[in-house]
C-alpha atoms as a PDB file:
ATOM      1  CA  MET A   1      15.062 -34.855 -27.969  1.00  0.00           C
ATOM      2  CA  LYS A   2      11.519 -33.113 -29.360  1.00  0.00           C
ATOM      3  CA  ILE A   3      10.913 -32.331 -25.445  1.00  0.00           C
ATOM      4  CA  THR A   4      14.151 -30.579 -24.771  1.00  0.00           C
ATOM      5  CA  THR A   5      13.892 -28.317 -27.680  1.00  0.00           C
ATOM      6  CA  MET A   6       9.914 -27.922 -26.712  1.00  0.00           C
ATOM      7  CA  ILE A   7      11.096 -27.132 -23.456  1.00  0.00           C
ATOM      8  CA  ALA A   8      13.996 -24.633 -24.210  1.00  0.00           C
ATOM      9  CA  GLY A   9      12.042 -23.003 -26.918  1.00  0.00           C
ATOM     10  CA  ILE A  10       8.880 -22.578 -23.966  1.00  0.00           C
ATOM     11  CA  LEU A  11      11.526 -20.958 -22.018  1.00  0.00           C
ATOM     12  CA  LEU A  12      12.671 -18.237 -24.538  1.00  0.00           C
ATOM     13  CA  ALA A  13       9.080 -17.523 -24.841  1.00  0.00           C
ATOM     14  CA  LEU A  14       9.272 -16.891 -21.546  1.00  0.00           C
ATOM     15  CA  ALA A  15      12.414 -15.097 -21.940  1.00  0.00           C
ATOM     16  CA  ALA A  16      11.442 -12.821 -24.404  1.00  0.00           C
ATOM     17  CA  SER A  17       7.627 -12.039 -23.168  1.00  0.00           C
ATOM     18  CA  PRO A  18       7.860  -7.639 -21.409  1.00  0.00           C
ATOM     19  CA  ALA A  19       8.187  -8.404 -18.023  1.00  0.00           C
ATOM     20  CA  PRO A  20       4.893  -5.950 -15.497  1.00  0.00           C
ATOM     21  CA  ALA A  21       5.715  -2.650 -15.372  1.00  0.00           C
ATOM     22  CA  GLN A  22       6.433  -1.371 -12.082  1.00  0.00           C
ATOM     23  CA  THR A  23       4.681   1.669 -10.705  1.00  0.00           C
ATOM     24  CA  THR A  24       5.697   3.840  -7.699  1.00  0.00           C
ATOM     25  CA  ILE A  25       3.909   5.354  -5.923  1.00  0.00           C
ATOM     26  CA  ASP A  26       4.279   8.908  -3.580  1.00  0.00           C
ATOM     27  CA  VAL A  27       2.475   8.225  -0.478  1.00  0.00           C
ATOM     28  CA  ALA A  28       2.737  11.881   0.152  1.00  0.00           C
ATOM     29  CA  LYS A  29       0.863  13.129  -2.526  1.00  0.00           C
ATOM     30  CA  ILE A  30      -2.184   9.978  -2.016  1.00  0.00           C
ATOM     31  CA  THR A  31      -4.897  12.187  -0.577  1.00  0.00           C
ATOM     32  CA  CYS A  32      -8.387  10.829   1.017  1.00  0.00           C
ATOM     33  CA  ARG A  33     -10.749  10.658  -1.443  1.00  0.00           C
ATOM     34  CA  GLN A  34      -7.621   8.310  -3.637  1.00  0.00           C
ATOM     35  CA  PHE A  35      -7.357   6.410  -0.345  1.00  0.00           C
ATOM     36  CA  ILE A  36     -10.972   5.850   0.566  1.00  0.00           C
ATOM     37  CA  PHE A  37     -12.258   4.345  -3.479  1.00  0.00           C
ATOM     38  CA  ASP A  38      -8.903   2.580  -4.308  1.00  0.00           C
ATOM     39  CA  ASP A  39      -7.948   4.930  -7.002  1.00  0.00           C
ATOM     40  CA  ILE A  40      -3.361   4.094  -6.700  1.00  0.00           C
ATOM     41  CA  ALA A  41      -3.689   0.661  -4.878  1.00  0.00           C
ATOM     42  CA  LEU A  42      -5.824  -1.213  -2.190  1.00  0.00           C
ATOM     43  CA  SER A  43      -6.568   1.055   0.584  1.00  0.00           C
ATOM     44  CA  LYS A  44      -5.761  -1.669   3.193  1.00  0.00           C
ATOM     45  CA  SER A  45      -2.318  -1.744   1.590  1.00  0.00           C
ATOM     46  CA  ILE A  46      -1.829   1.489   1.817  1.00  0.00           C
ATOM     47  CA  ALA A  47      -2.784   2.072   5.574  1.00  0.00           C
ATOM     48  CA  VAL A  48       0.152  -1.106   6.214  1.00  0.00           C
ATOM     49  CA  TRP A  49       2.120   0.606   4.631  1.00  0.00           C
ATOM     50  CA  LEU A  50       1.444   4.067   6.685  1.00  0.00           C
ATOM     51  CA  ALA A  51       1.429   1.443  10.088  1.00  0.00           C
ATOM     52  CA  GLY A  52       5.317   1.062   9.106  1.00  0.00           C
ATOM     53  CA  TYR A  53       6.534   3.669   7.866  1.00  0.00           C
ATOM     54  CA  TYR A  54       4.553   5.209  11.595  1.00  0.00           C
ATOM     55  CA  SER A  55       5.783   2.379  13.201  1.00  0.00           C
ATOM     56  CA  GLY A  56       9.067   2.870  11.895  1.00  0.00           C
ATOM     57  CA  LEU A  57      10.023   6.529  13.254  1.00  0.00           C
ATOM     58  CA  GLN A  58       9.734   5.188  16.737  1.00  0.00           C
ATOM     59  CA  ARG A  59      11.143   2.324  15.821  1.00  0.00           C
ATOM     60  CA  ASN A  60       8.650   0.176  17.501  1.00  0.00           C
ATOM     61  CA  THR A  61       8.988  -3.389  15.610  1.00  0.00           C
ATOM     62  CA  VAL A  62       5.748  -4.934  17.219  1.00  0.00           C
ATOM     63  CA  VAL A  63       2.963  -5.258  15.269  1.00  0.00           C
ATOM     64  CA  ASP A  64      -0.373  -5.726  17.313  1.00  0.00           C
ATOM     65  CA  MET A  65      -2.830  -6.480  15.032  1.00  0.00           C
ATOM     66  CA  SER A  66      -6.430  -6.037  16.426  1.00  0.00           C
ATOM     67  CA  ARG A  67      -4.885  -2.520  16.781  1.00  0.00           C
ATOM     68  CA  LEU A  68      -4.027  -1.738  13.731  1.00  0.00           C
ATOM     69  CA  GLY A  69      -6.932  -2.782  12.308  1.00  0.00           C
ATOM     70  CA  GLN A  70      -9.083  -0.415  14.642  1.00  0.00           C
ATOM     71  CA  ASN A  71      -6.307   2.309  13.570  1.00  0.00           C
ATOM     72  CA  ILE A  72      -6.948   2.101  10.116  1.00  0.00           C
ATOM     73  CA  ASP A  73     -11.005   1.957  10.297  1.00  0.00           C
ATOM     74  CA  LYS A  74      -9.975   5.387  12.315  1.00  0.00           C
ATOM     75  CA  VAL A  75      -8.401   6.775   9.156  1.00  0.00           C
ATOM     76  CA  GLN A  76     -10.691   5.859   6.829  1.00  0.00           C
ATOM     77  CA  ASP A  77     -13.596   7.095   8.922  1.00  0.00           C
ATOM     78  CA  PHE A  78     -11.624  10.349   8.945  1.00  0.00           C
ATOM     79  CA  CYS A  79     -10.839   9.694   5.430  1.00  0.00           C
ATOM     80  CA  ARG A  80     -14.723  10.214   4.722  1.00  0.00           C
ATOM     81  CA  LEU A  81     -15.531  13.705   6.407  1.00  0.00           C
ATOM     82  CA  ASN A  82     -12.400  14.677   4.583  1.00  0.00           C
ATOM     83  CA  LEU A  83     -11.886  13.729   1.694  1.00  0.00           C
ATOM     84  CA  ASP A  84      -9.581  16.462   0.113  1.00  0.00           C
ATOM     85  CA  ILE A  85      -6.736  15.699   2.824  1.00  0.00           C
ATOM     86  CA  THR A  86      -3.520  14.140   1.995  1.00  0.00           C
ATOM     87  CA  VAL A  87      -3.988  10.452   3.839  1.00  0.00           C
ATOM     88  CA  MET A  88      -0.975  10.773   5.680  1.00  0.00           C
ATOM     89  CA  ASP A  89      -2.135  14.180   7.342  1.00  0.00           C
ATOM     90  CA  ALA A  90      -5.619  12.285   7.828  1.00  0.00           C
ATOM     91  CA  THR A  91      -3.222   9.471   9.749  1.00  0.00           C
ATOM     92  CA  LYS A  92      -2.015  11.907  12.194  1.00  0.00           C
ATOM     93  CA  LYS A  93      -5.214  13.666  12.854  1.00  0.00           C
ATOM     94  CA  ALA A  94      -7.136  11.032  13.611  1.00  0.00           C
ATOM     95  CA  LEU A  95      -4.589   8.794  15.273  1.00  0.00           C
ATOM     96  CA  GLY A  96      -2.938  11.351  17.487  1.00  0.00           C
ATOM     97  CA  GLY A  97       0.269  12.971  16.278  1.00  0.00           C
ATOM     98  CA  GLY A  98       1.183  10.582  13.710  1.00  0.00           C
ATOM     99  CA  LYS A  99       1.233   7.457  15.627  1.00  0.00           C
END
């Protein structure tokens, strides 16, 4: 009986714990400065989201992992030289028209 009461107490305590807040990010507003310095989220996470976004626009369901890495490097290099533009604009310019 004690174990059942203890388990019930633990479950009640966990249920009463505050849940972590969810954060939403408007990727269209992220600058290269924020992208390079991981001010908003990890740059790799944003880069993967961008790759998915542009692949979705092209209805492309294939992920070429080596090309993804190369494209991330190109966008990061472009952003280091253009810190004040948005990362979405940098992606279009670095990869040629939003590819």
